[in-house]
Every structure is written in structure tokens, then in C-alpha cells.
Amino acid sequence: MAAAADGAGQWAMDETISIRPVTAADYDGWKPLWDGYSAFYGRVGATALAPAVTAATWGRFLDADQPVHALVAERGARGDGGGELVGLAIICSIPPRRRSHPTAISPISSRQRRCGARGSAAC
């Protein structure tokens, strides 16, 4: 998908958005998105997540043995980590209830985007 917002909030088809798994090198771009995600769910000020919770969550995303994963949307790159992170999704693998069903993937309604990433001034 290719899209970019101009100064008026309009989208032009000239910039690439890549969706990919998060990597350890993404932390600095991921953290503001995580903070926005947390704030959306009321975790700011007195109810803000402790830094240890954020660190543990980040570690879980990078641990292949954990059932929780993160994807990031990256603008201006070809999925190589060279662009700006503009969105995130948190995905949980849910074990099957019966052996006849494969593991289900649930997006658990957890996503966040950088303000203005879709050309919206609503943030």
C-alpha cells in the first residue's frame, strides 16, 4: 500500500507503508506508539503503567516462546527498518480448544497509530 499525507491532510500515492513484525531495533519508534496506546486505555498519570510493565511487555514481543506478538506499520521504507513507525498492532495466539483446530490468532483490538498518520488532525 502506498500513501502519504500532504500539509492539508490529503493522501497521495507516493509513499510505502510496510507491515512487519517488531524487532529489537524498533524500540525508540515503538515506545511513543505504546504510550499513545496506553493513554487511549486510560493509563496516564496516576494510572500509567510502571516502566517495568512496559519493559516486560516489550520483552514478550521479542520472545518467540511467548503467545503475544507485535506488528508495526512503517512509513517510507520497504520493511527494512529504515522508515518511521506510524502504527502498531498487538496479537495474541490463542491455544486451540480442540486438537482438530489450528491455533487461532486474535488481534485483540489493540492497535495504535501516530497522530496524523492517516492525514487526520483529530489527535
Protein backbone atom coordinates (compact mmCIF):
# COMPACT_ATOMS: atom_id res chain seq x y z
CA MET A 1 0.00 0.00 0.00
CA ALA A 2 1.39 3.44 -0.84
CA ALA A 3 0.19 6.63 0.80
CA ALA A 4 1.46 9.92 2.20
CA ALA A 5 -0.28 12.90 3.79
CA ASP A 6 0.39 16.38 2.46
CA GLY A 7 0.17 19.52 4.60
CA ALA A 8 -3.60 19.70 4.12
CA GLY A 9 -4.17 16.16 5.38
CA GLN A 10 -4.66 14.76 1.89
CA TRP A 11 -3.15 11.45 0.88
CA ALA A 12 -1.02 10.96 -2.20
CA MET A 13 0.01 7.58 -3.53
CA ASP A 14 3.77 8.09 -3.36
CA GLU A 15 5.00 6.60 -0.10
CA THR A 16 5.08 2.99 1.06
CA ILE A 17 3.59 1.67 4.30
CA SER A 18 5.02 -1.72 5.29
CA ILE A 19 3.57 -4.01 7.95
CA ARG A 20 6.12 -6.24 9.65
CA PRO A 21 6.97 -7.91 12.96
CA VAL A 22 8.59 -5.67 15.54
CA THR A 23 12.37 -6.04 16.05
CA ALA A 24 14.64 -5.04 18.93
CA ALA A 25 15.85 -2.05 16.88
CA ASP A 26 12.27 -0.65 16.81
CA TYR A 27 12.08 0.29 20.49
CA ASP A 28 12.58 4.07 20.08
CA GLY A 29 9.86 4.25 17.42
CA TRP A 30 7.58 1.77 19.19
CA LYS A 31 7.65 3.47 22.61
CA PRO A 32 5.67 6.62 21.61
CA LEU A 33 3.07 4.39 19.93
CA TRP A 34 2.88 2.23 23.08
CA ASP A 35 2.47 5.35 25.22
CA GLY A 36 -0.38 6.50 22.96
CA TYR A 37 -1.97 3.06 23.12
CA SER A 38 -1.73 3.10 26.92
CA ALA A 39 -3.16 6.63 27.12
CA PHE A 40 -6.10 5.61 24.90
CA TYR A 41 -6.98 2.98 27.51
CA GLY A 42 -6.65 5.49 30.37
CA ARG A 43 -3.15 4.50 31.51
CA VAL A 44 -1.76 8.00 32.05
CA GLY A 45 -0.79 10.00 35.13
CA ALA A 46 -1.67 8.12 38.31
CA THR A 47 -2.82 5.06 36.33
CA ALA A 48 0.19 4.95 33.97
CA LEU A 49 1.89 1.61 33.52
CA ALA A 50 5.06 1.17 35.51
CA PRO A 51 8.26 1.20 33.40
CA ALA A 52 8.79 -2.43 34.45
CA VAL A 53 5.47 -3.41 32.85
CA THR A 54 6.44 -1.69 29.59
CA ALA A 55 9.85 -3.39 29.66
CA ALA A 56 8.29 -6.80 30.33
CA THR A 57 5.75 -6.31 27.53
CA TRP A 58 8.49 -5.28 25.08
CA GLY A 59 10.49 -8.36 26.07
CA ARG A 60 7.49 -10.61 25.47
CA PHE A 61 7.14 -9.26 21.92
CA LEU A 62 10.73 -10.31 21.19
CA ASP A 63 10.47 -13.75 22.83
CA ALA A 64 9.40 -16.37 20.27
CA ASP A 65 8.15 -18.61 23.10
CA GLN A 66 5.55 -16.05 24.22
CA PRO A 67 1.98 -16.08 22.84
CA VAL A 68 1.91 -12.30 22.33
CA HIS A 69 3.42 -10.60 19.29
CA ALA A 70 3.60 -7.10 17.84
CA LEU A 71 3.45 -5.79 14.30
CA VAL A 72 4.42 -2.29 13.28
CA ALA A 73 3.41 -0.11 10.35
CA GLU A 74 6.43 1.60 8.89
CA ARG A 75 6.18 4.57 6.53
CA GLY A 76 8.85 5.39 3.99
CA ALA A 77 10.69 2.06 3.94
CA ARG A 78 10.45 -1.31 2.29
CA GLY A 79 10.10 -3.26 5.54
CA ASP A 80 13.81 -2.92 6.34
CA GLY A 81 13.54 -0.80 9.48
CA GLY A 82 14.63 2.40 7.74
CA GLY A 83 11.35 4.31 7.94
CA GLU A 84 9.13 5.96 10.54
CA LEU A 85 6.92 3.75 12.69
CA VAL A 86 3.36 5.05 12.40
CA GLY A 87 1.27 2.23 13.85
CA LEU A 88 1.27 -0.92 15.93
CA ALA A 89 -0.85 -3.99 16.43
CA ILE A 90 -0.67 -6.45 19.31
CA ILE A 91 -1.58 -10.04 18.50
CA CYS A 92 -2.19 -12.93 20.90
CA SER A 93 -2.01 -16.56 19.85
CA ILE A 94 -4.85 -18.46 21.46
CA PRO A 95 -4.31 -22.20 22.00
CA PRO A 96 -6.94 -24.37 20.34
CA ARG A 97 -9.72 -25.80 22.49
CA ARG A 98 -9.75 -28.98 20.44
CA ARG A 99 -6.89 -30.73 18.77
CA SER A 100 -8.68 -30.65 15.43
CA HIS A 101 -8.40 -26.81 15.22
CA PRO A 102 -5.18 -24.92 14.49
CA THR A 103 -4.03 -22.17 16.82
CA ALA A 104 -6.16 -19.08 16.41
CA ILE A 105 -4.72 -15.61 16.09
CA SER A 106 -6.60 -12.77 17.76
CA PRO A 107 -5.86 -9.10 17.06
CA ILE A 108 -7.46 -8.27 20.48
CA SER A 109 -8.47 -4.83 19.18
CA SER A 110 -5.04 -3.49 20.07
CA ARG A 111 -3.70 -1.01 17.62
CA GLN A 112 -2.36 2.50 17.73
CA ARG A 113 -1.30 4.99 15.11
CA ARG A 114 0.82 8.10 15.22
CA CYS A 115 -1.31 11.29 15.18
CA GLY A 116 -1.70 12.50 11.63
CA ALA A 117 -0.57 9.20 10.15
CA ARG A 118 -3.83 8.91 8.25
CA GLY A 119 -3.92 12.61 7.44
CA SER A 120 -6.23 13.36 10.34
CA ALA A 121 -5.81 16.39 12.57
CA ALA A 122 -8.14 14.77 15.13
CA CYS A 123 -5.41 13.64 17.54
